[in-house]
Amino acid sequence: MNSDLLQRRAHWLENYSPQLRICEQGRVVSIGDGIAWVAGLPTAAMDDLLEFADGSRGLVFDLAGSLLGAVLLTETEQLTAGTTASLYPKPLGLPVGNALLERVIDPLGNPLDGMGAPDCRGWRRLEMASPSITQRDFVHRPLYTGSKVLDTLIPIGCGQRQLVIGDEGLGRSALALDTVIAQRNADVHCVYVLIGQKRSAVVNTIGLLRDYGAMDYTTVVVAEASALPGLQHLAPFAGCAIAEYWMRRGKHTLVVYDDLSTHAKTYRELSLLLRRPPGREAYPGDIFSVHARLLERATCLSADEGGGSMTALPIVETQQGEIATYIPTNLISITDGQIYLDRELFTAGFRPAIDIGLSVSRIGGRAQHPAIQREAGRMKLDYLQFLELEMFTRFGARLEAGMERAIRRGRLLREILKQERLAPLPIEFQLAWMVAFNDGLLDAIEPQQVQALMAELEGRVEASDLQLDDPRHVWAARIQEWLGEWLGEWLREPLPSAAEKER
């Protein structure tokens, strides 16, 4: 027999003392739709784990007089009324650590990718208090998404909570996938949480992450549509706990919650089954606190706490573009900004269909590199003014020369901002096209030539040694040289030099 086992048994015998031992035992009164009502267990508290005699597990979700309501996390066919239940000695949590990278798991940490259980060294509770004010730092480090619109006009910083909002089919998930793919060489650990999605959508998402090499630094947490409602409710908290483990160790992390509309509906379903009083749109009164409790854990930690960060990209669905409904307005008030996708822009061919007027980042330029902030400073205002001016042209109004030029530049900028999905762009290229646009070097370009020019410019920037910290005049001179080579045959006269432009 193993010597360690013998020593443990000897130690147990030495410290054993005969005494009366009392343990609680309850029994299942009724069960159905992922809910179990249990009698007994008088010391049970909210969020305690229950273990049933058949091996099933549940989470205490409601205390009602002599009964307690539990949402099932695992369920066997043998679980019926009369099954005994007892309190599980350990709180609800899951294993965490670097072993979860490249893995697909459920909210309890069980593998779903056909591989063995991850060999994790850490363990973390799903429900944790958010960091205190003294543990937090200002958001100051940019998180690049690879999107022309986001990285320039609606910047996101590490530790920010940025909502992605829009109707179904407008590219909300594609935008989140682009952001994950853009972290390939950024040393950012990503967690992608799929809540209540069809299996085909889950397989497609995982396949895209594998095809683009993003699974190397990503963990996928899945609670598909066929999973128990209790697991769907816990999925975002599991993803948050995984990212929080890395954040507490000084890493920068990104969590995508796809999507919180489905999560809210699942929570409403559980609450109604537990006979809680419904509120607005039949949601329970505490739905706001549930999402706030989740999203407040995303932050940027101070240097004394390791300097890590957790950036959250919650996704929410709207109906017919209505953002004033209950769940969207709740999430807008919790987050640090929103990215609004518009159906009219999508059908008009502007993709990603981000409505710059309704989208905002409350962090602003504090999360941008000074060179990017300088070039993007006036671009958003100019573009919004162009949108207003363009409305007058629909009525056949005659415009003066200055307005005509503003409209032409606005239409050119709209073509530049178009971008294919799953094609994140480096930030150096973002700076290059902004310098070219702000200096008027692209004013003579026709809209149909923009995409070819952008592809050429991206290749030149990638092959060059230009850095964001290089002086602006170095960028301007190099870009003007490139444009002179490429566009000489397209232009009737050569591009003016910087000195000539100033005169």
Protein backbone atom coordinates (compact mmCIF):
# COMPACT_ATOMS: atom_id res chain seq x y z
CA MET A 1 0.00 0.00 0.00
CA ASN A 2 1.18 3.54 -0.72
CA SER A 3 3.21 4.98 2.19
CA ASP A 4 1.55 8.42 1.86
CA LEU A 5 -1.89 6.81 2.19
CA LEU A 6 -0.75 4.90 5.25
CA GLN A 7 0.54 8.11 6.84
CA ARG A 8 -2.74 9.94 6.17
CA ARG A 9 -4.74 7.09 7.69
CA ALA A 10 -2.49 7.00 10.75
CA HIS A 11 -2.87 10.76 11.20
CA TRP A 12 -6.68 10.45 10.89
CA LEU A 13 -6.79 7.69 13.51
CA GLU A 14 -4.63 9.69 15.91
CA ASN A 15 -6.94 12.71 15.71
CA TYR A 16 -10.23 10.81 15.62
CA SER A 17 -12.62 11.42 18.46
CA PRO A 18 -16.04 9.75 18.78
CA GLN A 19 -18.78 12.37 18.72
CA LEU A 20 -22.22 13.09 17.36
CA ARG A 21 -22.09 14.34 13.77
CA ILE A 22 -25.04 16.07 12.16
CA CYS A 23 -25.48 16.65 8.46
CA GLU A 24 -28.43 18.14 6.59
CA GLN A 25 -30.32 16.22 3.99
CA GLY A 26 -33.14 17.45 1.79
CA ARG A 27 -35.26 15.88 -0.87
CA VAL A 28 -36.55 16.94 -4.25
CA VAL A 29 -40.23 17.90 -4.18
CA SER A 30 -40.67 18.62 -7.88
CA ILE A 31 -38.52 19.02 -10.95
CA GLY A 32 -38.96 20.36 -14.46
CA ASP A 33 -37.62 22.84 -17.08
CA GLY A 34 -34.19 22.93 -15.45
CA ILE A 35 -35.59 23.84 -12.02
CA ALA A 36 -35.68 21.68 -8.88
CA TRP A 37 -37.68 22.52 -5.76
CA VAL A 38 -36.06 21.06 -2.65
CA ALA A 39 -37.43 20.69 0.88
CA GLY A 40 -35.15 20.65 3.89
CA LEU A 41 -31.61 22.05 4.06
CA PRO A 42 -32.45 24.92 6.46
CA THR A 43 -28.94 26.44 6.40
CA ALA A 44 -28.75 26.65 2.60
CA ALA A 45 -27.99 30.14 1.25
CA MET A 46 -28.14 31.80 -2.13
CA ASP A 47 -25.53 30.52 -4.64
CA ASP A 48 -24.79 27.40 -2.57
CA LEU A 49 -24.16 24.25 -4.56
CA LEU A 50 -26.40 21.22 -4.10
CA GLU A 51 -25.45 17.63 -4.83
CA PHE A 52 -28.21 15.12 -5.53
CA ALA A 53 -28.01 11.39 -4.84
CA ASP A 54 -28.03 10.55 -8.56
CA GLY A 55 -24.93 12.70 -9.21
CA SER A 56 -26.74 15.79 -10.54
CA ARG A 57 -25.84 19.24 -9.26
CA GLY A 58 -27.78 22.42 -8.80
CA LEU A 59 -27.32 26.00 -7.66
CA VAL A 60 -29.54 27.59 -5.02
CA PHE A 61 -31.28 30.41 -6.84
CA ASP A 62 -34.34 31.18 -4.74
CA LEU A 63 -35.40 30.86 -1.10
CA ALA A 64 -39.16 30.51 -0.69
CA GLY A 65 -40.43 29.68 2.78
CA SER A 66 -40.01 25.98 3.44
CA LEU A 67 -38.71 25.28 -0.08
CA LEU A 68 -35.66 26.39 -1.98
CA GLY A 69 -35.46 26.67 -5.75
CA ALA A 70 -32.34 25.42 -7.51
CA VAL A 71 -31.30 25.73 -11.14
CA LEU A 72 -29.80 22.52 -12.47
CA LEU A 73 -26.23 22.57 -13.74
CA THR A 74 -26.02 18.85 -14.51
CA GLU A 75 -28.95 16.46 -14.76
CA THR A 76 -29.30 12.71 -15.15
CA GLU A 77 -32.35 10.66 -16.11
CA GLN A 78 -32.49 9.27 -12.57
CA LEU A 79 -33.22 12.68 -11.02
CA THR A 80 -36.86 12.56 -9.91
CA ALA A 81 -39.06 13.75 -7.05
CA GLY A 82 -37.92 12.13 -3.82
CA THR A 83 -34.21 12.15 -4.67
CA THR A 84 -32.15 13.20 -1.68
CA ALA A 85 -30.03 16.36 -1.80
CA SER A 86 -27.20 17.70 0.31
CA LEU A 87 -25.06 20.81 0.42
CA TYR A 88 -21.85 20.60 -1.58
CA PRO A 89 -18.88 21.70 0.55
CA LYS A 90 -17.22 23.79 -2.19
CA PRO A 91 -18.53 27.03 -3.75
CA LEU A 92 -19.26 27.28 -7.46
CA GLY A 93 -16.09 27.76 -9.50
CA LEU A 94 -13.95 26.32 -12.26
CA PRO A 95 -10.28 25.53 -12.95
CA VAL A 96 -8.31 28.38 -14.54
CA GLY A 97 -4.85 28.81 -16.00
CA ASN A 98 -2.84 28.81 -19.22
CA ALA A 99 -3.94 25.23 -19.91
CA LEU A 100 -7.30 26.68 -21.02
CA LEU A 101 -5.75 28.41 -24.04
CA GLU A 102 -6.77 26.74 -27.32
CA ARG A 103 -9.54 24.88 -25.50
CA VAL A 104 -13.34 24.76 -25.78
CA ILE A 105 -15.07 24.25 -22.43
CA ASP A 106 -18.48 24.57 -20.81
CA PRO A 107 -19.18 27.03 -17.95
CA LEU A 108 -18.13 24.41 -15.38
CA GLY A 109 -14.73 23.85 -16.99
CA ASN A 110 -15.58 20.53 -18.64
CA PRO A 111 -13.93 20.02 -22.05
CA LEU A 112 -16.12 20.12 -25.16
CA ASP A 113 -13.38 19.70 -27.77
CA GLY A 114 -12.86 15.93 -27.40
CA MET A 115 -9.60 16.38 -25.51
CA GLY A 116 -8.86 15.52 -21.89
CA ALA A 117 -9.59 17.73 -18.93
CA PRO A 118 -7.29 20.77 -18.90
CA ASP A 119 -4.39 20.50 -16.46
CA CYS A 120 -5.03 23.78 -14.65
CA ARG A 121 -3.09 24.84 -11.59
CA GLY A 122 -5.57 27.50 -10.44
CA TRP A 123 -9.19 27.60 -9.39
CA ARG A 124 -11.50 30.60 -9.23
CA ARG A 125 -15.04 31.27 -8.12
CA LEU A 126 -17.51 32.37 -10.76
CA GLU A 127 -19.01 35.09 -8.57
CA MET A 128 -16.42 37.56 -7.28
CA ALA A 129 -16.56 41.17 -6.17
CA SER A 130 -15.31 43.68 -8.71
CA PRO A 131 -11.99 45.44 -7.97
CA SER A 132 -12.21 48.39 -5.61
CA ILE A 133 -11.56 51.97 -6.71
CA THR A 134 -8.11 51.96 -5.10
CA GLN A 135 -7.14 48.88 -7.12
CA ARG A 136 -8.07 50.46 -10.44
CA ASP A 137 -6.15 52.71 -12.82
CA PHE A 138 -7.26 55.03 -15.60
CA VAL A 139 -7.66 53.40 -19.00
CA HIS A 140 -4.58 54.54 -20.88
CA ARG A 141 -3.40 51.69 -23.12
CA PRO A 142 -5.05 51.23 -26.53
CA LEU A 143 -6.57 47.93 -27.59
CA TYR A 144 -6.39 47.84 -31.38
CA THR A 145 -9.26 46.13 -33.16
CA GLY A 146 -7.88 46.28 -36.70
CA SER A 147 -10.97 48.28 -37.79
CA LYS A 148 -10.44 51.61 -39.53
CA VAL A 149 -13.53 53.12 -37.92
CA LEU A 150 -12.87 51.90 -34.38
CA ASP A 151 -9.12 52.48 -34.10
CA THR A 152 -9.41 56.04 -35.42
CA LEU A 153 -12.84 57.48 -34.58
CA ILE A 154 -14.18 55.27 -31.73
CA PRO A 155 -11.05 54.07 -29.90
CA ILE A 156 -11.15 51.26 -27.34
CA GLY A 157 -8.72 51.02 -24.43
CA CYS A 158 -7.54 48.07 -22.37
CA GLY A 159 -9.93 47.79 -19.44
CA GLN A 160 -12.86 49.42 -21.22
CA ARG A 161 -16.41 48.02 -21.50
CA GLN A 162 -17.57 48.75 -25.06
CA LEU A 163 -21.05 47.60 -26.08
CA VAL A 164 -21.69 46.24 -29.60
CA ILE A 165 -25.33 46.87 -30.42
CA GLY A 166 -27.48 46.33 -33.50
CA ASP A 167 -30.06 44.15 -35.23
CA GLU A 168 -29.42 40.53 -36.10
CA GLY A 169 -27.41 39.95 -39.27
CA LEU A 170 -25.52 43.26 -39.30
CA GLY A 171 -22.09 41.84 -38.36
CA ARG A 172 -21.97 42.21 -34.58
CA SER A 173 -20.23 38.86 -34.07
CA ALA A 174 -18.00 39.46 -37.10
CA LEU A 175 -16.78 42.71 -35.53
CA ALA A 176 -15.98 40.87 -32.28
CA LEU A 177 -14.17 38.10 -34.18
CA ASP A 178 -12.13 40.71 -36.06
CA THR A 179 -11.08 42.19 -32.72
CA VAL A 180 -9.99 38.78 -31.39
CA ILE A 181 -8.06 38.02 -34.58
CA ALA A 182 -6.34 41.43 -34.36
CA GLN A 183 -4.74 40.41 -31.03
CA ARG A 184 -2.55 37.81 -32.75
CA ASN A 185 0.74 39.56 -31.93
CA ALA A 186 -0.48 41.83 -29.14
CA ASP A 187 0.11 39.49 -26.16
CA VAL A 188 -3.57 39.65 -25.19
CA HIS A 189 -5.37 36.56 -23.87
CA CYS A 190 -8.91 36.32 -25.24
CA VAL A 191 -12.05 34.59 -23.98
CA TYR A 192 -14.99 34.19 -26.36
CA VAL A 193 -18.27 33.31 -24.62
CA LEU A 194 -21.10 31.84 -26.73
CA ILE A 195 -24.46 32.00 -24.95
CA GLY A 196 -27.49 30.13 -26.28
CA GLN A 197 -26.12 29.87 -29.84
CA LYS A 198 -27.07 27.16 -32.30
CA ARG A 199 -24.51 24.41 -32.69
CA SER A 200 -23.86 25.41 -36.31
CA ALA A 201 -23.00 28.95 -35.18
CA VAL A 202 -20.71 27.58 -32.45
CA VAL A 203 -18.87 25.32 -34.91
CA ASN A 204 -18.53 28.18 -37.40
CA THR A 205 -17.10 30.54 -34.78
CA ILE A 206 -14.56 28.01 -33.52
CA GLY A 207 -13.61 27.14 -37.09
CA LEU A 208 -12.92 30.78 -37.96
CA LEU A 209 -10.78 31.25 -34.86
CA ARG A 210 -8.75 28.15 -35.78
CA ASP A 211 -8.39 29.15 -39.44
CA TYR A 212 -6.97 32.56 -38.52
CA GLY A 213 -4.64 31.26 -35.81
CA ALA A 214 -6.56 32.96 -32.99
CA MET A 215 -7.16 29.82 -30.91
CA ASP A 216 -3.51 29.91 -29.80
CA TYR A 217 -4.37 32.70 -27.36
CA THR A 218 -8.13 32.17 -26.97
CA THR A 219 -10.45 30.14 -24.74
CA VAL A 220 -14.00 29.49 -25.96
CA VAL A 221 -16.73 29.04 -23.35
CA VAL A 222 -19.86 27.45 -24.84
CA ALA A 223 -23.37 27.08 -23.47
CA GLU A 224 -25.29 26.28 -26.63
CA ALA A 225 -29.05 26.52 -27.11
CA SER A 226 -29.61 22.91 -26.04
CA ALA A 227 -27.76 23.35 -22.73
CA LEU A 228 -29.57 23.71 -19.44
CA PRO A 229 -30.73 27.29 -18.73
CA GLY A 230 -28.58 27.32 -15.61
CA LEU A 231 -25.43 26.76 -17.68
CA GLN A 232 -26.44 29.49 -20.13
CA HIS A 233 -26.85 31.88 -17.21
CA LEU A 234 -23.41 31.01 -15.80
CA ALA A 235 -21.53 31.16 -19.13
CA PRO A 236 -20.55 34.89 -19.04
CA PHE A 237 -19.49 34.62 -15.39
CA ALA A 238 -17.28 31.64 -16.28
CA GLY A 239 -15.62 33.59 -19.09
CA CYS A 240 -15.13 36.55 -16.77
CA ALA A 241 -13.51 34.35 -14.10
CA ILE A 242 -11.06 32.89 -16.63
CA ALA A 243 -10.00 36.34 -17.87
CA GLU A 244 -9.88 37.70 -14.32
CA TYR A 245 -7.31 35.05 -13.36
CA TRP A 246 -4.95 36.31 -16.08
CA MET A 247 -5.70 39.96 -15.30
CA ARG A 248 -4.70 39.45 -11.67
CA ARG A 249 -1.35 38.15 -12.94
CA GLY A 250 -0.56 41.25 -14.96
CA LYS A 251 -1.88 40.10 -18.35
CA HIS A 252 -4.08 42.09 -20.73
CA THR A 253 -7.25 40.17 -21.57
CA LEU A 254 -10.28 40.55 -23.84
CA VAL A 255 -13.70 38.97 -23.16
CA VAL A 256 -16.49 38.81 -25.74
CA TYR A 257 -20.01 38.06 -24.47
CA ASP A 258 -22.04 36.84 -27.45
CA ASP A 259 -24.65 37.80 -26.56
CA LEU A 260 -26.21 39.35 -23.44
CA SER A 261 -29.67 39.61 -25.00
CA THR A 262 -29.90 35.82 -24.94
CA HIS A 263 -28.46 35.81 -21.44
CA ALA A 264 -31.15 38.24 -20.25
CA LYS A 265 -33.88 36.08 -21.78
CA THR A 266 -32.46 33.01 -20.05
CA TYR A 267 -32.41 34.83 -16.72
CA ARG A 268 -36.00 35.93 -17.30
CA GLU A 269 -36.99 32.33 -18.01
CA LEU A 270 -35.37 31.09 -14.81
CA SER A 271 -36.92 33.88 -12.75
CA LEU A 272 -40.42 33.22 -14.06
CA LEU A 273 -40.05 29.49 -13.42
CA LEU A 274 -39.00 30.33 -9.87
CA ARG A 275 -42.17 32.45 -9.53
CA ARG A 276 -40.39 35.74 -9.03
CA PRO A 277 -42.55 38.81 -9.72
CA PRO A 278 -42.01 40.10 -13.27
CA GLY A 279 -41.20 43.71 -14.05
CA ARG A 280 -40.79 45.65 -17.28
CA GLU A 281 -41.03 43.36 -20.34
CA ALA A 282 -41.43 40.48 -17.82
CA TYR A 283 -37.78 40.77 -16.76
CA PRO A 284 -37.11 40.46 -13.02
CA GLY A 285 -36.22 43.60 -11.12
CA ASP A 286 -32.60 42.56 -10.54
CA ILE A 287 -31.63 42.04 -14.21
CA PHE A 288 -29.74 45.36 -14.16
CA SER A 289 -27.66 44.33 -11.15
CA VAL A 290 -26.84 40.96 -12.76
CA HIS A 291 -25.27 42.60 -15.80
CA ALA A 292 -23.67 45.38 -13.75
CA ARG A 293 -22.11 42.79 -11.44
CA LEU A 294 -20.64 41.06 -14.48
CA LEU A 295 -19.36 44.08 -16.43
CA GLU A 296 -17.97 46.00 -13.44
CA ARG A 297 -15.31 43.31 -13.13
CA ALA A 298 -13.77 44.53 -16.41
CA THR A 299 -11.20 47.18 -15.57
CA CYS A 300 -7.58 48.28 -15.75
CA LEU A 301 -5.65 47.47 -12.57
CA SER A 302 -3.07 49.78 -11.03
CA ALA A 303 0.64 49.00 -11.09
CA ASP A 304 0.51 47.91 -7.45
CA GLU A 305 -2.04 45.24 -8.46
CA GLY A 306 0.06 44.00 -11.39
CA GLY A 307 -1.11 46.38 -14.12
CA GLY A 308 -3.31 43.82 -15.89
CA SER A 309 -6.58 44.63 -17.60
CA MET A 310 -9.81 43.03 -18.75
CA THR A 311 -11.58 44.55 -21.74
CA ALA A 312 -15.22 43.55 -22.22
CA LEU A 313 -17.10 43.51 -25.53
CA PRO A 314 -20.69 42.64 -24.64
CA ILE A 315 -23.01 42.15 -27.62
CA VAL A 316 -26.70 42.99 -27.46
CA GLU A 317 -29.42 42.61 -30.08
CA THR A 318 -32.01 45.24 -31.00
CA GLN A 319 -35.30 44.88 -32.86
CA GLN A 320 -35.84 47.15 -35.87
CA GLY A 321 -32.97 49.36 -34.72
CA GLU A 322 -34.73 50.37 -31.49
CA ILE A 323 -32.07 51.06 -28.87
CA ALA A 324 -34.48 52.47 -26.26
CA THR A 325 -35.77 49.08 -25.12
CA TYR A 326 -35.10 47.73 -21.64
CA ILE A 327 -31.96 45.57 -21.95
CA PRO A 328 -30.09 47.80 -24.46
CA THR A 329 -30.64 50.93 -22.36
CA ASN A 330 -29.51 49.07 -19.24
CA LEU A 331 -26.28 47.97 -20.91
CA ILE A 332 -25.65 51.40 -22.44
CA SER A 333 -25.80 52.91 -18.95
CA ILE A 334 -23.36 50.31 -17.58
CA THR A 335 -20.73 50.37 -20.32
CA ASP A 336 -18.16 53.01 -21.34
CA GLY A 337 -19.54 53.47 -24.83
CA GLN A 338 -21.30 51.67 -27.65
CA ILE A 339 -20.72 50.64 -31.25
CA TYR A 340 -24.05 50.92 -33.07
CA LEU A 341 -24.59 48.97 -36.29
CA ASP A 342 -27.21 50.39 -38.64
CA ARG A 343 -29.28 48.41 -41.15
CA GLU A 344 -29.53 51.25 -43.69
CA LEU A 345 -25.75 51.56 -43.81
CA PHE A 346 -25.46 47.78 -44.17
CA THR A 347 -27.88 47.61 -47.11
CA ALA A 348 -26.13 50.60 -48.71
CA GLY A 349 -22.86 48.65 -48.77
CA PHE A 350 -21.03 50.51 -45.99
CA ARG A 351 -19.40 47.74 -43.95
CA PRO A 352 -18.76 47.45 -41.12
CA ALA A 353 -22.12 49.24 -40.83
CA ILE A 354 -21.07 51.40 -37.86
CA ASP A 355 -23.17 54.51 -37.36
CA ILE A 356 -20.52 57.02 -36.31
CA GLY A 357 -23.13 59.49 -35.11
CA LEU A 358 -24.73 57.10 -32.61
CA SER A 359 -21.50 55.33 -31.63
CA VAL A 360 -19.32 56.74 -28.89
CA SER A 361 -16.31 55.86 -26.76
CA ARG A 362 -16.35 57.65 -23.42
CA ILE A 363 -12.63 56.96 -23.00
CA GLY A 364 -11.91 59.01 -26.12
CA GLY A 365 -8.36 59.92 -27.09
CA ARG A 366 -6.94 58.97 -23.70
CA ALA A 367 -6.54 55.43 -25.04
CA GLN A 368 -4.92 56.50 -28.32
CA HIS A 369 -1.32 56.97 -29.34
CA PRO A 370 -0.60 60.73 -29.62
CA ALA A 371 0.04 60.44 -33.37
CA ILE A 372 -3.29 58.66 -33.95
CA GLN A 373 -5.11 61.10 -31.67
CA ARG A 374 -3.68 64.09 -33.55
CA GLU A 375 -4.77 62.86 -36.97
CA ALA A 376 -8.18 61.58 -35.88
CA GLY A 377 -8.98 64.69 -33.85
CA ARG A 378 -10.93 66.60 -36.47
CA MET A 379 -11.81 63.71 -38.78
CA LYS A 380 -14.93 62.58 -36.89
CA LEU A 381 -16.36 66.11 -36.75
CA ASP A 382 -15.66 66.65 -40.45
CA TYR A 383 -17.37 63.37 -41.31
CA LEU A 384 -20.47 64.17 -39.25
CA GLN A 385 -20.68 67.61 -40.90
CA PHE A 386 -20.43 65.90 -44.29
CA LEU A 387 -23.40 63.65 -43.42
CA GLU A 388 -25.48 66.74 -42.65
CA LEU A 389 -24.41 68.50 -45.84
CA GLU A 390 -25.12 65.43 -47.93
CA MET A 391 -28.76 65.54 -46.87
CA PHE A 392 -29.16 68.91 -48.61
CA THR A 393 -27.97 67.48 -51.92
CA ARG A 394 -30.97 65.15 -51.96
CA PHE A 395 -33.22 68.18 -52.48
CA GLY A 396 -31.19 69.48 -55.39
CA ALA A 397 -29.83 72.46 -53.47
CA ARG A 398 -26.97 74.39 -55.08
CA LEU A 399 -23.86 74.51 -52.94
CA GLU A 400 -20.90 76.81 -52.93
CA ALA A 401 -17.45 75.57 -53.87
CA GLY A 402 -16.33 75.02 -50.26
CA MET A 403 -19.31 72.82 -49.51
CA GLU A 404 -18.83 70.88 -52.73
CA ARG A 405 -15.25 70.17 -51.70
CA ALA A 406 -16.37 69.09 -48.21
CA ILE A 407 -18.92 66.69 -49.71
CA ARG A 408 -16.34 65.23 -52.08
CA ARG A 409 -13.86 64.67 -49.24
CA GLY A 410 -16.61 63.14 -47.09
CA ARG A 411 -17.55 60.68 -49.81
CA LEU A 412 -13.90 59.82 -50.25
CA LEU A 413 -13.55 59.20 -46.49
CA ARG A 414 -16.62 56.98 -46.53
CA GLU A 415 -15.00 54.81 -49.19
CA ILE A 416 -11.76 54.67 -47.22
CA LEU A 417 -13.58 53.52 -44.08
CA LYS A 418 -15.13 50.52 -45.81
CA GLN A 419 -13.48 47.25 -44.81
CA GLU A 420 -14.01 43.56 -45.43
CA ARG A 421 -14.71 41.31 -42.45
CA LEU A 422 -11.96 39.09 -41.03
CA ALA A 423 -9.30 41.47 -42.34
CA PRO A 424 -7.93 43.45 -39.36
CA LEU A 425 -5.40 46.11 -40.28
CA PRO A 426 -2.19 47.19 -38.47
CA ILE A 427 -2.23 50.50 -36.64
CA GLU A 428 0.71 51.84 -38.67
CA PHE A 429 -1.42 51.61 -41.81
CA GLN A 430 -4.21 53.46 -40.00
CA LEU A 431 -1.86 56.36 -39.34
CA ALA A 432 -0.62 56.33 -42.94
CA TRP A 433 -4.01 56.73 -44.59
CA MET A 434 -5.07 59.40 -42.07
CA VAL A 435 -1.95 61.46 -42.81
CA ALA A 436 -2.59 61.13 -46.53
CA PHE A 437 -6.25 62.13 -46.17
CA ASN A 438 -5.64 65.06 -43.80
CA ASP A 439 -2.92 66.47 -46.06
CA GLY A 440 -5.25 66.34 -49.07
CA LEU A 441 -3.02 63.87 -50.90
CA LEU A 442 -6.05 61.76 -51.84
CA ASP A 443 -8.35 64.55 -52.98
CA ALA A 444 -7.78 63.77 -56.64
CA ILE A 445 -8.58 60.08 -56.23
CA GLU A 446 -11.83 58.72 -57.62
CA PRO A 447 -13.95 56.64 -55.21
CA GLN A 448 -13.59 53.50 -57.35
CA GLN A 449 -9.78 53.71 -57.01
CA VAL A 450 -9.76 53.88 -53.21
CA GLN A 451 -9.65 50.17 -52.35
CA ALA A 452 -6.82 49.44 -54.78
CA LEU A 453 -4.88 52.38 -53.41
CA MET A 454 -5.45 51.28 -49.81
CA ALA A 455 -4.13 47.79 -50.60
CA GLU A 456 -0.98 49.28 -52.15
CA LEU A 457 -0.49 51.67 -49.24
CA GLU A 458 -0.86 48.84 -46.72
CA GLY A 459 1.81 46.82 -48.50
CA ARG A 460 4.22 49.74 -48.58
CA VAL A 461 3.73 50.55 -44.90
CA GLU A 462 4.22 46.92 -43.92
CA ALA A 463 7.45 46.72 -45.89
CA SER A 464 8.79 50.01 -44.48
CA ASP A 465 10.48 50.74 -41.17
CA LEU A 466 8.06 53.49 -40.14
CA GLN A 467 6.98 53.54 -36.50
CA LEU A 468 4.18 55.42 -34.74
CA ASP A 469 6.74 57.47 -32.79
CA ASP A 470 8.45 58.78 -35.94
CA PRO A 471 7.93 62.53 -36.58
CA ARG A 472 4.92 63.47 -38.65
CA HIS A 473 6.94 65.12 -41.41
CA VAL A 474 8.75 61.81 -41.97
CA TRP A 475 5.42 60.03 -42.46
CA ALA A 476 4.09 62.79 -44.73
CA ALA A 477 7.21 62.84 -46.91
CA ARG A 478 7.32 59.07 -47.31
CA ILE A 479 3.61 58.82 -48.13
CA GLN A 480 3.80 61.67 -50.63
CA GLU A 481 6.70 59.92 -52.33
CA TRP A 482 4.74 56.68 -52.60
CA LEU A 483 1.62 58.40 -53.88
CA GLY A 484 3.63 60.27 -56.46
CA GLU A 485 4.92 56.97 -57.82
CA TRP A 486 1.56 55.20 -57.88
CA LEU A 487 -0.75 57.98 -58.98
CA GLY A 488 1.34 59.83 -61.50
CA GLU A 489 -0.52 58.31 -64.42
CA TRP A 490 -3.91 58.96 -62.80
CA LEU A 491 -3.35 62.66 -62.12
CA ARG A 492 -3.16 65.40 -64.73
CA GLU A 493 -0.61 67.33 -62.68
CA PRO A 494 1.86 66.24 -59.99
CA LEU A 495 0.94 66.29 -56.34
CA PRO A 496 1.79 69.59 -54.63
CA SER A 497 4.60 69.56 -52.11
CA ALA A 498 4.04 70.39 -48.46
CA ALA A 499 5.64 73.84 -48.96
CA GLU A 500 3.40 74.60 -51.93
CA LYS A 501 0.33 73.54 -49.94
CA GLU A 502 1.27 75.97 -47.14
CA ARG A 503 1.67 78.83 -49.65
